[in-house]
Amino acid sequence: MDKKLVCPCGLTCCDCLFYQKEIYETAYKFKELIMEHKLDKFLTICSKRRNWEVLGEHLDLNQSQIWDGVGKQFEVFKQMPEFMNVLDGIIKLQCKTTCQETGGCSIGGNTHECKALKCINSKEYAGCWQCSDFENCDKLKFLKNSYGYVIKDNLKTIKEKGTEAVKSRGNKYYAWQRKKDGGVME
């Protein structure tokens, strides 16, 4: 793997959801398209009870059919402003540079130097793999909880074979992605 994609702590930027350019570009384009056509405003208007009732009457639905035929479909769009805020939030989360390029994780456009990186820098190491205690290190606790065995495996691989031997894990990177039920870690 390209050295710039391998973080000193053993994470790999190419597998990180914050670094997946396609997700953030798609969210941005989707938001632009919605706003260009004013779909957010249209669906918010349609979500008002009187408006979907009028539409139901236009579709020649009787009073008992209006809710099932139209109302249920438009009810969710009362949350359109919140949805647009969620899209903004997703767009802002994107990490556009790697830890190796900026000296820290750049989630949300701000560079953050984690505990592990501070430790590595204080010891003048290139990465955790140079430390004899990386398998038991408290500074990697969050990473081990979030990524499971991936961190340990990556650090061992780097120590033995170098960063070029680290492989992408794709959508099996995070511990929760490898759970059978796909459940989110709590």
Protein backbone atom coordinates (compact mmCIF):
# COMPACT_ATOMS: atom_id res chain seq x y z
CA MET A 1 0.00 0.00 0.00
CA ASP A 2 1.15 3.54 -0.67
CA LYS A 3 2.96 4.80 2.45
CA LYS A 4 0.91 8.01 2.56
CA LEU A 5 -2.25 5.92 3.14
CA VAL A 6 -0.85 4.09 6.18
CA CYS A 7 -1.12 6.04 9.43
CA PRO A 8 1.56 5.75 12.11
CA CYS A 9 -1.01 4.02 14.37
CA GLY A 10 -1.75 1.31 11.79
CA LEU A 11 -4.95 2.73 10.33
CA THR A 12 -5.29 2.85 6.55
CA CYS A 13 -6.84 5.98 5.05
CA CYS A 14 -8.03 4.17 1.93
CA ASP A 15 -10.44 2.08 4.05
CA CYS A 16 -11.56 4.88 6.38
CA LEU A 17 -15.12 6.06 5.80
CA PHE A 18 -14.06 9.66 6.45
CA TYR A 19 -11.65 9.46 3.49
CA GLN A 20 -14.05 7.91 0.94
CA LYS A 21 -14.23 10.77 -1.55
CA GLU A 22 -17.16 9.26 -3.46
CA ILE A 23 -19.46 9.41 -0.41
CA TYR A 24 -18.88 13.11 0.20
CA GLU A 25 -18.93 14.13 -3.46
CA THR A 26 -22.22 12.26 -3.90
CA ALA A 27 -23.75 13.92 -0.83
CA TYR A 28 -22.63 17.32 -2.16
CA LYS A 29 -24.01 16.68 -5.66
CA PHE A 30 -27.25 15.29 -4.24
CA LYS A 31 -27.75 18.38 -2.06
CA GLU A 32 -26.98 20.67 -5.01
CA LEU A 33 -29.48 18.84 -7.21
CA ILE A 34 -32.20 18.99 -4.56
CA MET A 35 -31.63 22.72 -4.08
CA GLU A 36 -31.33 23.48 -7.80
CA HIS A 37 -34.79 22.03 -8.38
CA LYS A 38 -36.11 23.27 -5.02
CA LEU A 39 -37.19 19.72 -4.23
CA ASP A 40 -36.65 20.41 -0.52
CA LYS A 41 -39.19 23.23 -0.59
CA PHE A 42 -41.65 21.27 -2.75
CA LEU A 43 -41.59 18.21 -0.50
CA THR A 44 -41.91 20.35 2.63
CA ILE A 45 -45.00 21.98 1.12
CA CYS A 46 -46.40 18.56 0.14
CA SER A 47 -45.89 17.28 3.69
CA LYS A 48 -48.51 19.66 5.09
CA ARG A 49 -51.76 17.83 5.76
CA ARG A 50 -54.01 20.15 3.78
CA ASN A 51 -51.76 19.87 0.71
CA TRP A 52 -51.67 16.07 0.61
CA GLU A 53 -55.42 15.98 1.32
CA VAL A 54 -56.02 18.22 -1.71
CA LEU A 55 -53.76 15.95 -3.78
CA GLY A 56 -55.72 12.91 -2.60
CA GLU A 57 -58.97 14.56 -3.59
CA HIS A 58 -57.46 15.41 -7.00
CA LEU A 59 -56.51 11.75 -7.41
CA ASP A 60 -60.16 10.95 -6.72
CA LEU A 61 -59.43 9.08 -3.50
CA ASN A 62 -62.17 8.86 -0.94
CA GLN A 63 -61.61 10.21 2.56
CA SER A 64 -60.51 6.83 3.97
CA GLN A 65 -58.01 6.27 1.13
CA ILE A 66 -56.29 9.66 1.28
CA TRP A 67 -54.01 8.84 4.24
CA ASP A 68 -52.91 5.46 2.85
CA GLY A 69 -52.77 6.66 -0.75
CA VAL A 70 -50.97 9.98 -0.25
CA GLY A 71 -50.55 11.10 3.36
CA LYS A 72 -48.17 8.32 4.45
CA GLN A 73 -45.86 9.03 1.52
CA PHE A 74 -45.58 12.75 2.29
CA GLU A 75 -45.53 12.63 6.11
CA VAL A 76 -41.80 11.84 6.20
CA PHE A 77 -40.98 15.04 4.30
CA LYS A 78 -41.82 17.11 7.36
CA GLN A 79 -38.24 16.20 8.24
CA MET A 80 -36.80 17.68 5.04
CA PRO A 81 -34.97 20.56 6.81
CA GLU A 82 -33.32 18.05 9.15
CA PHE A 83 -32.39 15.86 6.18
CA MET A 84 -30.70 18.81 4.47
CA ASN A 85 -28.79 19.49 7.72
CA VAL A 86 -27.70 15.83 7.79
CA LEU A 87 -26.40 16.16 4.22
CA ASP A 88 -24.45 19.26 5.30
CA GLY A 89 -23.04 17.33 8.22
CA ILE A 90 -21.93 14.45 6.00
CA ILE A 91 -20.30 16.85 3.54
CA LYS A 92 -18.37 18.60 6.32
CA LEU A 93 -17.00 15.34 7.78
CA GLN A 94 -14.82 14.50 4.80
CA CYS A 95 -11.14 13.98 5.49
CA LYS A 96 -9.34 15.24 2.39
CA THR A 97 -5.73 14.52 3.38
CA THR A 98 -3.96 11.64 5.02
CA CYS A 99 -2.37 11.56 8.45
CA GLN A 100 1.03 11.18 6.76
CA GLU A 101 0.44 14.34 4.69
CA THR A 102 -0.79 16.61 7.49
CA GLY A 103 0.57 15.13 10.71
CA GLY A 104 -2.79 14.05 12.05
CA CYS A 105 -6.30 12.95 11.18
CA SER A 106 -8.19 15.59 9.19
CA ILE A 107 -11.79 14.66 9.96
CA GLY A 108 -14.03 17.59 9.17
CA GLY A 109 -11.24 19.68 7.67
CA ASN A 110 -9.37 20.12 10.96
CA THR A 111 -6.18 18.24 11.71
CA HIS A 112 -6.21 16.35 15.00
CA GLU A 113 -3.12 14.81 16.57
CA CYS A 114 -4.32 11.73 18.48
CA LYS A 115 -2.73 10.27 21.62
CA ALA A 116 -0.90 7.64 19.61
CA LEU A 117 0.60 10.21 17.23
CA LYS A 118 1.70 12.43 20.12
CA CYS A 119 3.43 9.41 21.68
CA ILE A 120 5.08 8.42 18.39
CA ASN A 121 6.35 11.96 17.88
CA SER A 122 7.69 12.18 21.43
CA LYS A 123 9.67 8.96 20.87
CA GLU A 124 10.72 10.06 17.37
CA TYR A 125 9.28 6.88 15.85
CA ALA A 126 7.83 6.58 12.37
CA GLY A 127 4.95 4.54 13.77
CA CYS A 128 3.62 2.37 16.58
CA TRP A 129 5.18 -0.71 15.00
CA GLN A 130 8.56 0.51 16.26
CA CYS A 131 7.37 0.38 19.89
CA SER A 132 7.81 -2.87 21.80
CA ASP A 133 4.50 -2.30 23.62
CA PHE A 134 2.10 -1.61 20.72
CA GLU A 135 0.06 -4.75 21.42
CA ASN A 136 -0.81 -3.57 24.95
CA CYS A 137 -0.75 0.20 24.45
CA ASP A 138 -3.58 2.21 26.06
CA LYS A 139 -3.16 4.90 23.41
CA LEU A 140 -4.49 2.42 20.84
CA LYS A 141 -7.50 1.37 22.98
CA PHE A 142 -10.04 3.33 20.94
CA LEU A 143 -8.63 1.97 17.69
CA LYS A 144 -8.64 -1.61 18.95
CA ASN A 145 -12.27 -1.21 20.06
CA SER A 146 -13.31 0.33 16.74
CA TYR A 147 -11.23 -1.75 14.34
CA GLY A 148 -10.61 -4.94 16.32
CA TYR A 149 -7.73 -7.11 15.13
CA VAL A 150 -7.06 -4.89 12.07
CA ILE A 151 -4.79 -2.52 14.02
CA LYS A 152 -2.68 -5.31 15.53
CA ASP A 153 -2.47 -7.12 12.17
CA ASN A 154 -1.49 -3.97 10.29
CA LEU A 155 1.17 -3.03 12.84
CA LYS A 156 2.64 -6.56 12.79
CA THR A 157 2.65 -6.54 8.97
CA ILE A 158 4.42 -3.16 8.87
CA LYS A 159 6.94 -4.27 11.47
CA GLU A 160 7.75 -7.47 9.56
CA LYS A 161 7.34 -6.46 5.91
CA GLY A 162 6.87 -2.69 5.66
CA THR A 163 3.92 -0.47 4.74
CA GLU A 164 3.79 -1.73 1.16
CA ALA A 165 2.68 -5.14 2.49
CA VAL A 166 -0.45 -3.74 4.18
CA LYS A 167 -3.61 -4.66 2.28
CA SER A 168 -6.88 -2.80 2.00
CA ARG A 169 -9.73 -4.37 3.98
CA GLY A 170 -12.47 -2.64 2.00
CA ASN A 171 -15.83 -2.90 3.74
CA LYS A 172 -14.42 -5.29 6.36
CA TYR A 173 -12.24 -2.59 7.96
CA TYR A 174 -14.23 -1.65 11.04
CA ALA A 175 -15.12 -4.24 13.68
CA TRP A 176 -18.85 -3.49 13.26
CA GLN A 177 -18.60 -4.20 9.51
CA ARG A 178 -17.42 -7.72 10.27
CA LYS A 179 -20.29 -8.51 12.65
CA LYS A 180 -22.78 -10.97 11.19
CA ASP A 181 -25.74 -8.78 12.09
CA GLY A 182 -23.97 -5.64 10.85
CA GLY A 183 -24.71 -4.06 14.22
CA VAL A 184 -23.13 -0.80 15.23
CA MET A 185 -20.76 -0.89 18.18
CA GLU A 186 -22.02 0.83 21.27
